Amino acid sequence: LPATIAKQLGAIVRTGCRVESLACTGQEGYWVSLKNGERLRATMVVLATPISSARALLAPVAPQTSRWFDRMKTGRSGSVVLAWPETQIARPLAGFGMVVPKREEQPFNAITVDSRKYAERAPDGWSLMRFYFGGYRSPQMLELDDDQLLAAARSFAERAICATGAPAFSRITRWQEGNSIYNAAPPVDRTFVASKGFQQIQGLPPGSKTFGDAPFQLNFGATS
């Protein structure tokens, strides 16, 4: 999808260009230094990166904002994508996926059925599924190598959806320090005083109307 969008937008989009640093130009704007040694001048920079990357890029140009990121926690996560013919799944999920309850203590946190959620993601008759792991619930899964992760995903799929046989396609992705971990807000005592209000609604009654009548308009007003 990103490659297709970049192709349609043309030369204004660059892909595969790692940004190494940001610097102020001295006027209104920034220097964007790329890994290949090139520098681009920009009047505005929008960051859509993991917190750790944003923290490092903002440090020289917006130190206050960069320090604010230090208060945010992140966790590693990943996914295993597997594909089977639908005939090899004896208990398919009814919707777009499922979230595994924490109390189940399973190695994977959730499943998304990509072939059902996104049109034309897989050929007809095939089920493409994504198994999520990591975060604060199953961080130990990040320590497994690819073969161990694949074996764990197949075992989990066999229990969760009764998938049989080897998947025809597999792909493993890991995100290092990419997902935000939100802390629960601390309890705070608050006192509120609610006063009873008065509202008056005025208008003309609709008359004798029943279900199936032609559409009609209601004209009413409220004092608040």
Protein backbone atom coordinates (compact mmCIF):
# COMPACT_ATOMS: atom_id res chain seq x y z
CA LEU A 1 0.00 0.00 0.00
CA PRO A 2 2.69 2.62 0.83
CA ALA A 3 4.53 1.81 -2.41
CA THR A 4 1.34 2.22 -4.45
CA ILE A 5 0.51 5.57 -2.83
CA ALA A 6 4.07 6.81 -3.35
CA LYS A 7 3.93 5.83 -7.03
CA GLN A 8 0.65 7.67 -7.55
CA LEU A 9 1.89 10.84 -5.81
CA GLY A 10 5.07 10.89 -7.88
CA ALA A 11 8.30 12.76 -7.16
CA ILE A 12 6.99 14.61 -4.10
CA VAL A 13 7.27 11.38 -2.10
CA ARG A 14 10.53 9.61 -1.26
CA THR A 15 10.66 6.12 0.17
CA GLY A 16 13.51 4.30 1.85
CA CYS A 17 15.09 7.57 3.01
CA ARG A 18 16.14 7.37 6.63
CA VAL A 19 16.17 10.72 8.45
CA GLU A 20 19.22 11.03 10.67
CA SER A 21 18.65 14.44 12.27
CA LEU A 22 16.75 17.72 12.26
CA ALA A 23 18.26 21.20 12.63
CA CYS A 24 16.88 24.73 12.58
CA THR A 25 17.80 26.77 9.50
CA GLY A 26 18.17 29.98 11.50
CA GLN A 27 15.04 31.35 9.91
CA GLU A 28 11.62 29.78 9.65
CA GLY A 29 12.27 26.20 8.71
CA TYR A 30 14.38 23.11 9.25
CA TRP A 31 17.20 21.13 7.71
CA VAL A 32 16.34 17.44 7.32
CA SER A 33 19.50 15.34 7.08
CA LEU A 34 19.16 11.97 5.35
CA LYS A 35 21.33 8.91 5.81
CA ASN A 36 22.66 9.20 2.25
CA GLY A 37 24.21 12.58 3.13
CA GLU A 38 21.57 14.72 1.45
CA ARG A 39 19.96 17.67 3.26
CA LEU A 40 16.46 18.88 2.55
CA ARG A 41 15.06 22.25 3.57
CA ALA A 42 11.50 22.27 4.89
CA THR A 43 9.23 24.95 6.30
CA MET A 44 7.36 22.35 8.31
CA VAL A 45 8.15 18.85 9.58
CA VAL A 46 5.52 16.30 10.59
CA LEU A 47 6.73 13.32 12.62
CA ALA A 48 4.92 9.99 12.30
CA THR A 49 7.44 7.81 14.08
CA PRO A 50 7.71 5.68 17.19
CA ILE A 51 8.26 7.63 20.40
CA SER A 52 11.94 6.67 20.65
CA SER A 53 12.65 8.02 17.15
CA ALA A 54 10.67 11.20 17.73
CA ARG A 55 12.54 11.81 21.00
CA ALA A 56 15.92 11.62 19.28
CA LEU A 57 14.93 13.79 16.30
CA LEU A 58 13.33 16.52 18.41
CA ALA A 59 16.13 16.82 20.98
CA PRO A 60 18.16 19.48 19.07
CA VAL A 61 15.19 21.52 17.78
CA ALA A 62 12.53 21.13 20.48
CA PRO A 63 14.22 19.94 23.69
CA GLN A 64 11.21 20.66 25.86
CA THR A 65 8.99 18.43 23.73
CA SER A 66 11.69 15.77 23.58
CA ARG A 67 11.86 15.64 27.39
CA TRP A 68 8.09 15.27 27.52
CA PHE A 69 8.46 12.00 25.60
CA ASP A 70 10.65 10.68 28.44
CA ARG A 71 7.50 10.40 30.55
CA MET A 72 5.92 8.00 28.07
CA LYS A 73 6.56 4.27 28.23
CA THR A 74 6.82 2.06 25.19
CA GLY A 75 6.87 -1.67 24.68
CA ARG A 76 8.11 -4.03 22.02
CA SER A 77 5.61 -5.97 19.97
CA GLY A 78 5.30 -7.97 16.80
CA SER A 79 3.08 -10.05 14.58
CA VAL A 80 3.11 -13.34 12.72
CA VAL A 81 1.12 -13.45 9.47
CA LEU A 82 -0.04 -16.87 8.31
CA ALA A 83 -2.20 -18.03 5.39
CA TRP A 84 -4.14 -21.25 4.90
CA PRO A 85 -6.81 -22.44 2.49
CA GLU A 86 -10.15 -21.91 4.21
CA THR A 87 -10.74 -25.65 4.05
CA GLN A 88 -7.89 -26.12 6.54
CA ILE A 89 -9.60 -24.00 9.24
CA ALA A 90 -12.26 -26.03 11.02
CA ARG A 91 -13.35 -23.25 13.39
CA PRO A 92 -13.10 -19.90 11.55
CA LEU A 93 -13.67 -16.67 13.47
CA ALA A 94 -17.08 -15.10 12.92
CA GLY A 95 -15.88 -11.50 12.68
CA PHE A 96 -12.72 -9.60 11.79
CA GLY A 97 -10.71 -11.14 14.62
CA MET A 98 -10.53 -11.59 18.36
CA VAL A 99 -8.75 -10.25 21.44
CA VAL A 100 -7.43 -12.93 23.77
CA PRO A 101 -8.32 -12.25 27.44
CA LYS A 102 -5.29 -11.63 29.62
CA ARG A 103 -6.40 -14.28 32.11
CA GLU A 104 -5.98 -16.93 29.41
CA GLU A 105 -2.19 -16.37 29.62
CA GLN A 106 -1.70 -17.21 25.96
CA PRO A 107 1.47 -16.43 23.95
CA PHE A 108 -0.50 -14.25 21.51
CA ASN A 109 -2.66 -11.27 22.42
CA ALA A 110 -5.01 -10.98 19.45
CA ILE A 111 -5.85 -12.22 15.96
CA THR A 112 -6.92 -10.17 12.95
CA VAL A 113 -8.42 -11.85 9.88
CA ASP A 114 -6.81 -9.62 7.25
CA SER A 115 -8.46 -11.43 4.34
CA ARG A 116 -11.89 -10.52 5.72
CA LYS A 117 -11.07 -7.09 7.11
CA TYR A 118 -9.39 -5.79 3.95
CA ALA A 119 -10.80 -6.46 0.50
CA GLU A 120 -8.57 -8.34 -1.96
CA ARG A 121 -5.88 -8.89 0.67
CA ALA A 122 -5.93 -12.63 -0.16
CA PRO A 123 -7.30 -14.75 -3.04
CA ASP A 124 -10.78 -16.19 -2.77
CA GLY A 125 -10.87 -19.32 -0.68
CA TRP A 126 -7.86 -18.30 1.43
CA SER A 127 -7.64 -17.00 4.98
CA LEU A 128 -4.85 -14.54 5.82
CA MET A 129 -4.47 -14.04 9.56
CA ARG A 130 -2.26 -11.86 11.75
CA PHE A 131 -1.28 -13.01 15.25
CA TYR A 132 -0.06 -10.26 17.62
CA PHE A 133 2.43 -10.78 20.42
CA GLY A 134 4.57 -8.77 22.82
CA GLY A 135 3.61 -5.64 24.71
CA TYR A 136 3.27 -5.92 28.47
CA ARG A 137 1.24 -9.14 28.18
CA SER A 138 3.69 -11.43 26.41
CA PRO A 139 7.11 -9.70 26.24
CA GLN A 140 8.88 -13.07 26.43
CA MET A 141 7.77 -13.82 22.87
CA LEU A 142 10.17 -11.14 21.58
CA GLU A 143 13.08 -13.29 22.72
CA LEU A 144 12.17 -16.20 20.43
CA ASP A 145 13.84 -16.67 17.06
CA ASP A 146 11.79 -16.89 13.87
CA ASP A 147 11.48 -20.67 13.87
CA GLN A 148 10.29 -20.70 17.48
CA LEU A 149 7.79 -17.89 16.82
CA LEU A 150 6.40 -19.68 13.78
CA ALA A 151 6.00 -22.92 15.72
CA ALA A 152 4.27 -21.08 18.58
CA ALA A 153 1.89 -19.33 16.16
CA ARG A 154 0.97 -22.60 14.46
CA SER A 155 0.33 -24.26 17.80
CA PHE A 156 -1.82 -21.34 18.96
CA ALA A 157 -3.76 -21.32 15.68
CA GLU A 158 -4.44 -25.03 16.04
CA ARG A 159 -6.00 -24.43 19.46
CA ALA A 160 -7.80 -21.17 18.67
CA ILE A 161 -9.24 -21.79 15.20
CA CYS A 162 -8.46 -25.48 14.57
CA ALA A 163 -6.05 -24.68 11.72
CA THR A 164 -4.53 -27.86 10.34
CA GLY A 165 -1.47 -28.39 8.21
CA ALA A 166 1.41 -26.08 7.41
CA PRO A 167 0.51 -22.51 6.35
CA ALA A 168 1.27 -21.68 2.74
CA PHE A 169 2.65 -18.25 3.65
CA SER A 170 4.27 -16.77 6.74
CA ARG A 171 5.83 -13.44 7.67
CA ILE A 172 7.20 -12.23 11.00
CA THR A 173 7.52 -8.57 11.96
CA ARG A 174 8.97 -7.10 15.15
CA TRP A 175 8.62 -3.51 16.37
CA GLN A 176 11.29 -2.46 18.85
CA GLU A 177 10.05 0.09 21.42
CA GLY A 178 7.27 1.12 19.10
CA ASN A 179 3.97 0.83 20.98
CA SER A 180 2.88 3.21 23.70
CA ILE A 181 1.97 1.75 27.09
CA TYR A 182 -0.60 3.86 28.87
CA ASN A 183 -0.70 4.14 32.65
CA ALA A 184 -4.01 4.14 34.45
CA ALA A 185 -4.92 7.56 35.80
CA PRO A 186 -4.41 7.83 39.57
CA PRO A 187 -7.59 8.09 41.67
CA VAL A 188 -8.54 11.67 42.45
CA ASP A 189 -11.31 12.89 44.73
CA ARG A 190 -13.56 15.51 43.18
CA THR A 191 -16.71 17.24 44.41
CA PHE A 192 -19.33 18.48 41.97
CA VAL A 193 -22.42 20.58 42.59
CA ALA A 194 -25.21 19.99 40.08
CA SER A 195 -28.10 22.41 39.95
CA LYS A 196 -31.45 21.40 38.57
CA GLY A 197 -32.13 23.14 35.29
CA PHE A 198 -35.36 24.05 33.57
CA GLN A 199 -35.96 23.49 29.89
CA GLN A 200 -39.07 24.21 27.90
CA ILE A 201 -39.73 22.73 24.47
CA GLN A 202 -42.28 24.53 22.31
CA GLY A 203 -43.76 23.67 18.93
CA LEU A 204 -46.80 22.63 16.97
CA PRO A 205 -48.06 19.06 17.39
CA PRO A 206 -47.65 16.90 14.30
CA GLY A 207 -51.32 16.00 14.16
CA SER A 208 -52.63 12.57 13.32
CA LYS A 209 -49.64 10.72 11.90
CA THR A 210 -48.97 6.99 11.79
CA PHE A 211 -46.12 4.76 10.70
CA GLY A 212 -45.93 4.56 6.93
CA ASP A 213 -47.24 8.10 6.27
CA ALA A 214 -45.36 10.38 3.91
CA PRO A 215 -42.39 12.28 5.44
CA PHE A 216 -43.34 15.42 7.33
CA GLN A 217 -41.47 18.20 9.13
CA LEU A 218 -41.43 18.95 12.86
CA ASN A 219 -40.85 22.48 14.09
CA PHE A 220 -39.84 22.71 17.72
CA GLY A 221 -37.60 24.94 19.80
CA ALA A 222 -35.98 24.65 23.23
CA THR A 223 -35.17 27.24 25.85
CA SER A 224 -31.71 25.77 26.46
